[in-house]
C-alpha atoms as a PDB file:
ATOM      1  CA  MET A   1      -3.546  -7.430  20.807  1.00  0.00           C
ATOM      2  CA  ALA A   2      -6.326  -4.977  19.936  1.00  0.00           C
ATOM      3  CA  PHE A   3      -5.937  -2.404  17.184  1.00  0.00           C
ATOM      4  CA  ASN A   4      -5.165   1.015  18.650  1.00  0.00           C
ATOM      5  CA  LEU A   5      -6.026   3.928  16.362  1.00  0.00           C
ATOM      6  CA  ASP A   6      -3.651   6.152  18.372  1.00  0.00           C
ATOM      7  CA  ASN A   7      -0.734   4.129  16.965  1.00  0.00           C
ATOM      8  CA  TYR A   8      -1.998   4.155  13.367  1.00  0.00           C
ATOM      9  CA  GLU A   9       0.372   5.667  10.826  1.00  0.00           C
ATOM     10  CA  GLU A  10      -1.235   6.921   7.656  1.00  0.00           C
ATOM     11  CA  VAL A  11      -0.051   5.550   4.337  1.00  0.00           C
ATOM     12  CA  LYS A  12       1.061   9.038   3.277  1.00  0.00           C
ATOM     13  CA  ASP A  13       3.508   8.951   6.196  1.00  0.00           C
ATOM     14  CA  ARG A  14       4.741   5.406   5.526  1.00  0.00           C
ATOM     15  CA  ILE A  15       5.512   5.890   1.830  1.00  0.00           C
ATOM     16  CA  PRO A  16       8.529   8.134   2.595  1.00  0.00           C
ATOM     17  CA  LEU A  17       9.785   5.446   5.008  1.00  0.00           C
ATOM     18  CA  PHE A  18       9.746   2.963   2.143  1.00  0.00           C
ATOM     19  CA  TYR A  19      11.859   5.296   0.010  1.00  0.00           C
ATOM     20  CA  LEU A  20      14.259   5.910   2.903  1.00  0.00           C
ATOM     21  CA  THR A  21      14.744   2.167   3.214  1.00  0.00           C
ATOM     22  CA  TYR A  22      14.874   1.588  -0.551  1.00  0.00           C
ATOM     23  CA  PRO A  23      16.164   4.776  -2.228  1.00  0.00           C
ATOM     24  CA  GLU A  24      15.861   3.181  -5.680  1.00  0.00           C
ATOM     25  CA  GLY A  25      12.522   1.632  -4.776  1.00  0.00           C
ATOM     26  CA  ARG A  26       9.353   1.713  -6.790  1.00  0.00           C
ATOM     27  CA  ILE A  27       5.699   1.376  -5.889  1.00  0.00           C
ATOM     28  CA  THR A  28       3.313   0.192  -8.563  1.00  0.00           C
ATOM     29  CA  THR A  29      -0.414  -0.426  -8.533  1.00  0.00           C
ATOM     30  CA  GLU A  30      -2.645  -2.305 -10.908  1.00  0.00           C
ATOM     31  CA  ILE A  31      -6.379  -2.614 -11.111  1.00  0.00           C
ATOM     32  CA  VAL A  32      -7.327  -6.257 -10.696  1.00  0.00           C
ATOM     33  CA  LEU A  33     -11.045  -5.641 -11.180  1.00  0.00           C
ATOM     34  CA  GLU A  34     -13.168  -2.519 -11.570  1.00  0.00           C
ATOM     35  CA  THR A  35     -16.914  -2.229 -11.970  1.00  0.00           C
ATOM     36  CA  ASP A  36     -19.371   0.624 -11.543  1.00  0.00           C
ATOM     37  CA  SER A  37     -19.715  -0.264  -7.873  1.00  0.00           C
ATOM     38  CA  ALA A  38     -16.333  -1.580  -6.679  1.00  0.00           C
ATOM     39  CA  CYS A  39     -12.673  -2.014  -7.453  1.00  0.00           C
ATOM     40  CA  THR A  40      -9.834  -4.286  -6.409  1.00  0.00           C
ATOM     41  CA  ILE A  41      -6.251  -3.076  -6.662  1.00  0.00           C
ATOM     42  CA  ARG A  42      -2.911  -4.796  -6.089  1.00  0.00           C
ATOM     43  CA  ALA A  43       0.171  -2.822  -5.069  1.00  0.00           C
ATOM     44  CA  SER A  44       3.731  -4.084  -5.405  1.00  0.00           C
ATOM     45  CA  LEU A  45       6.900  -2.825  -3.766  1.00  0.00           C
ATOM     46  CA  TRP A  46      10.166  -3.163  -5.646  1.00  0.00           C
ATOM     47  CA  ALA A  47      13.673  -2.514  -4.284  1.00  0.00           C
ATOM     48  CA  ASN A  48      14.838  -1.283  -7.693  1.00  0.00           C
ATOM     49  CA  ALA A  49      14.237  -1.461 -11.431  1.00  0.00           C
ATOM     50  CA  GLU A  50      16.049  -4.799 -11.753  1.00  0.00           C
ATOM     51  CA  GLU A  51      13.705  -6.497  -9.293  1.00  0.00           C
ATOM     52  CA  GLN A  52      10.767  -4.996 -11.141  1.00  0.00           C
ATOM     53  CA  ALA A  53      12.095  -6.262 -14.480  1.00  0.00           C
ATOM     54  CA  ASN A  54      12.556  -9.728 -12.943  1.00  0.00           C
ATOM     55  CA  LEU A  55       9.035  -9.625 -11.448  1.00  0.00           C
ATOM     56  CA  CYS A  56      10.434 -10.174  -7.960  1.00  0.00           C
ATOM     57  CA  PRO A  57       8.573  -7.809  -5.620  1.00  0.00           C
ATOM     58  CA  LEU A  58       9.570  -7.214  -2.021  1.00  0.00           C
ATOM     59  CA  SER A  59       5.921  -7.478  -1.074  1.00  0.00           C
ATOM     60  CA  THR A  60       2.422  -7.021  -2.400  1.00  0.00           C
ATOM     61  CA  GLY A  61      -0.860  -5.836  -0.981  1.00  0.00           C
ATOM     62  CA  ILE A  62      -4.409  -6.039  -2.227  1.00  0.00           C
ATOM     63  CA  ALA A  63      -7.482  -4.020  -1.338  1.00  0.00           C
ATOM     64  CA  LYS A  64     -11.120  -3.846  -2.349  1.00  0.00           C
ATOM     65  CA  GLU A  65     -13.370  -0.812  -2.035  1.00  0.00           C
ATOM     66  CA  ARG A  66     -17.037  -0.344  -2.812  1.00  0.00           C
ATOM     67  CA  ALA A  67     -18.747   2.776  -4.095  1.00  0.00           C
ATOM     68  CA  GLY A  68     -21.089   4.648  -1.791  1.00  0.00           C
ATOM     69  CA  GLY A  69     -18.978   4.734   1.327  1.00  0.00           C
ATOM     70  CA  MET A  70     -17.623   7.696   3.228  1.00  0.00           C
ATOM     71  CA  ILE A  71     -15.087   8.441   0.485  1.00  0.00           C
ATOM     72  CA  GLU A  72     -16.430   9.459  -2.924  1.00  0.00           C
ATOM     73  CA  LYS A  73     -13.219   8.588  -4.793  1.00  0.00           C
ATOM     74  CA  TYR A  74     -13.195   4.922  -3.871  1.00  0.00           C
ATOM     75  CA  THR A  75     -10.749   3.897  -6.614  1.00  0.00           C
ATOM     76  CA  GLU A  76      -8.102   6.293  -5.301  1.00  0.00           C
ATOM     77  CA  ASN A  77      -8.784   5.164  -1.745  1.00  0.00           C
ATOM     78  CA  CYS A  78      -8.436   1.548  -2.842  1.00  0.00           C
ATOM     79  CA  SER A  79      -5.045   2.273  -4.381  1.00  0.00           C
ATOM     80  CA  THR A  80      -3.844   3.909  -1.166  1.00  0.00           C
ATOM     81  CA  SER A  81      -5.157   0.981   0.891  1.00  0.00           C
ATOM     82  CA  ALA A  82      -3.323  -1.532  -1.319  1.00  0.00           C
ATOM     83  CA  ILE A  83      -0.074   0.429  -0.978  1.00  0.00           C
ATOM     84  CA  GLY A  84      -0.529   0.554   2.785  1.00  0.00           C
ATOM     85  CA  ARG A  85      -1.029  -3.208   2.910  1.00  0.00           C
ATOM     86  CA  ALA A  86       2.095  -3.829   0.817  1.00  0.00           C
ATOM     87  CA  ILE A  87       4.146  -1.575   3.087  1.00  0.00           C
ATOM     88  CA  SER A  88       2.747  -3.305   6.179  1.00  0.00           C
ATOM     89  CA  ASN A  89       3.494  -6.710   4.666  1.00  0.00           C
ATOM     90  CA  ARG A  90       7.112  -5.588   4.347  1.00  0.00           C
ATOM     91  CA  ALA A  91       6.996  -4.426   8.012  1.00  0.00           C
ATOM     92  CA  ILE A  92       7.963  -0.841   7.236  1.00  0.00           C
ATOM     93  CA  TYR A  93       6.817   1.313  10.112  1.00  0.00           C
ATOM     94  CA  GLY A  94       7.979   4.489  11.779  1.00  0.00           C
ATOM     95  CA  LYS A  95       7.253   5.301  15.399  1.00  0.00           C
ATOM     96  CA  VAL A  96       4.917   2.334  15.941  1.00  0.00           C
ATOM     97  CA  ALA A  97       7.626  -0.248  15.307  1.00  0.00           C
ATOM     98  CA  THR A  98       9.973   1.376  17.794  1.00  0.00           C
ATOM     99  CA  GLU A  99       7.502   1.803  20.674  1.00  0.00           C
END
């Protein structure tokens, strides 16, 4: 099945869906590697503080971005991409999942 941009949900729209599903949920990010030209960030989704304390995430996502692309703030974009991947890995979607 080919990727259809018309069905793409932005991360900013999927984050509230995570919190609707997990009202006590938490999203954390950590820089895995950062240089002057690139960064790699891992995001973790937690159902609640207890799962976070026990290091038992619902899902994780990782992203890498390079400097010099279309987006000047590549570290911030990398963080958003990692969160989006973690949410997708947990299969949290809005309208796309129901169509």
